[in-house]
Amino acid sequence: MMDMSYTKYEVKNNNMKRFETKEDLDREIKAIQKYCSMFGCSYEKLGINDIDFKLMSGMDVIGYVEVKGRLSYLRNAYPLPIAMRKLVKLCDKMLNPIVIWACDDGIIYGDPRELKGIAKFSGRKKQREGSFHDREMMVYFDRQSGLKYLRY
């Protein structure tokens, strides 16, 4: 089990560091709890090299979720970014993929197979030391009917 009592951590795995704060992880949990409360399911956290969660109904796996933090309010969240590699990994699960963008006042969610986005090479302007994913192929989604939202 991962100790989440610290404010910043780095996981070294194959010479790659992960940069997440306790606030990032708290935001992720708040978002998945909101989603599951709406749809009457539960969740399990997946490993550090996987997507974020699997959705459960009793003992049955019913879907998979990637949660992306969005440091903005719902009304200002667009376009919604996600790394292309995360979308591929999520959709490769082949069972009800969902992306959730966790905003300050709620969540935006959708099935990526039903969304239209724009792909481009993008990311942080200044790459962090030890990070391989600060600049990569990203997909950006504008407001569309396949995206729904829930307020906290």
Foldseek 3Di string as FASTA:
>chain_A
DDDQPAQWDWDQDPLATDTDGSVRVVLQVVQVVVVCVVVVWDWDADDPVAAGIFIGDVPDTQFDEHEAEAAADPVPRFFPKDAPVNLVRRCVVVGQYKYWYRYPFWIKMFRVVPFDWDKDFDADPDDDPSHPPRTHIMTTGGDDPRIDIDTD
